C-alpha cells in the first residue's frame, strides 16, 4: 500500500467498529453505575455496623443493669419470682432445711 492513500472501509467493518465503540460506552456507564452503587452500599453498611455496635453495647449495658437489679432484689426479698403485672413477689422455698 502506498503511503498517505486512504481506503474506504467496508460498511460491515465500519458497523462492527461502531458497534464495539457503542458497547464499550454502555459498559463504561454501567461500570460507573455499579461502582457508585457499591460506594453507597459500603457507606450504608458502615452506618449499619455502627448502629449494630451501639445497640449491642446498649443491650450488654441493660443486661448488666438487670443482673445488678436481681442481686439487689435477692438481698431485699430473698430468692423468688416477680409477677410484674400483679406487682407481687413469690419467694422460693429453701429445700436445705
Protein backbone atom coordinates (compact mmCIF):
# COMPACT_ATOMS: atom_id res chain seq x y z
CA UNK A 1 0.00 0.00 0.00
CA UNK A 2 1.06 3.49 -0.75
CA UNK A 3 1.68 5.98 1.99
CA UNK A 4 -1.00 8.64 2.57
CA UNK A 5 -3.54 6.80 0.48
CA UNK A 6 -6.93 6.38 2.13
CA UNK A 7 -9.07 3.32 1.79
CA UNK A 8 -12.78 3.36 2.28
CA UNK A 9 -13.84 0.82 4.90
CA UNK A 10 -16.49 -1.66 4.02
CA UNK A 11 -19.83 -0.89 5.62
CA UNK A 12 -19.86 -4.12 7.67
CA UNK A 13 -16.37 -3.35 9.09
CA UNK A 14 -17.39 0.21 9.91
CA UNK A 15 -20.58 -1.04 11.58
CA UNK A 16 -18.60 -3.57 13.60
CA UNK A 17 -16.24 -0.82 14.82
CA UNK A 18 -19.18 1.44 15.72
CA UNK A 19 -20.96 -1.41 17.49
CA UNK A 20 -17.91 -2.18 19.62
CA UNK A 21 -17.42 1.51 20.42
CA UNK A 22 -21.08 1.86 21.43
CA UNK A 23 -20.93 -1.27 23.56
CA UNK A 24 -17.76 -0.01 25.28
CA UNK A 25 -19.51 3.28 26.01
CA UNK A 26 -22.51 1.46 27.54
CA UNK A 27 -20.22 -0.78 29.57
CA UNK A 28 -18.31 2.23 30.86
CA UNK A 29 -21.54 3.89 32.00
CA UNK A 30 -22.80 0.66 33.56
CA UNK A 31 -19.48 0.11 35.29
CA UNK A 32 -19.67 3.62 36.71
CA UNK A 33 -23.20 3.00 38.00
CA UNK A 34 -22.15 -0.25 39.65
CA UNK A 35 -19.13 1.39 41.29
CA UNK A 36 -21.22 4.27 42.59
CA UNK A 37 -23.81 1.86 43.94
CA UNK A 38 -21.04 -0.10 45.69
CA UNK A 39 -19.71 3.10 47.26
CA UNK A 40 -23.18 3.97 48.54
CA UNK A 41 -23.77 0.44 49.82
CA UNK A 42 -20.42 0.39 51.64
CA UNK A 43 -21.31 3.70 53.29
CA UNK A 44 -24.71 2.33 54.31
CA UNK A 45 -23.09 -0.86 55.60
CA UNK A 46 -20.70 1.24 57.68
CA UNK A 47 -23.65 3.12 59.20
CA UNK A 48 -25.44 -0.14 59.93
CA UNK A 49 -22.34 -1.69 61.52
CA UNK A 50 -22.04 1.35 63.80
CA UNK A 51 -25.72 1.09 64.72
CA UNK A 52 -25.25 -2.62 65.40
CA UNK A 53 -22.27 -1.97 67.66
CA UNK A 54 -24.18 0.76 69.52
CA UNK A 55 -27.21 -1.47 70.04
CA UNK A 56 -25.02 -4.34 71.18
CA UNK A 57 -23.34 -2.08 73.74
CA UNK A 58 -26.74 -0.87 74.99
CA UNK A 59 -28.02 -4.44 75.19
CA UNK A 60 -24.98 -5.51 77.22
CA UNK A 61 -25.46 -2.47 79.45
CA UNK A 62 -29.08 -3.43 80.07
CA UNK A 63 -28.06 -7.00 80.87
CA UNK A 64 -25.59 -5.67 83.46
CA UNK A 65 -28.31 -3.44 84.97
CA UNK A 66 -30.66 -6.41 85.06
CA UNK A 67 -28.13 -8.59 86.89
CA UNK A 68 -27.49 -5.84 89.44
CA UNK A 69 -31.22 -5.37 89.98
CA UNK A 70 -31.70 -9.12 90.51
CA UNK A 71 -28.88 -9.12 93.07
CA UNK A 72 -30.41 -6.10 94.84
CA UNK A 73 -33.88 -7.66 94.91
CA UNK A 74 -32.49 -11.01 96.11
CA UNK A 75 -30.84 -9.23 99.03
CA UNK A 76 -34.04 -7.34 99.82
CA UNK A 77 -36.66 -10.07 99.30
CA UNK A 78 -34.68 -13.30 99.04
CA UNK A 79 -34.79 -15.71 96.12
CA UNK A 80 -38.06 -15.94 94.26
CA UNK A 81 -40.04 -14.71 91.30
CA UNK A 82 -41.79 -11.47 90.48
CA UNK A 83 -45.15 -11.06 88.78
CA UNK A 84 -44.75 -7.65 87.20
CA UNK A 85 -48.42 -7.41 86.16
CA UNK A 86 -49.69 -8.06 89.71
CA UNK A 87 -46.78 -6.39 91.47
CA UNK A 88 -46.14 -9.34 93.74
CA UNK A 89 -43.11 -11.35 94.83
CA UNK A 90 -43.30 -15.08 95.47
CA UNK A 91 -40.39 -16.48 97.49
CA UNK A 92 -38.81 -19.77 96.54
CA UNK A 93 -38.88 -22.35 99.37
CA UNK A 94 -35.47 -23.31 100.61
CA UNK A 95 -35.07 -27.10 100.35
CA UNK A 96 -31.99 -27.17 102.62
CA UNK A 97 -33.81 -27.19 105.87
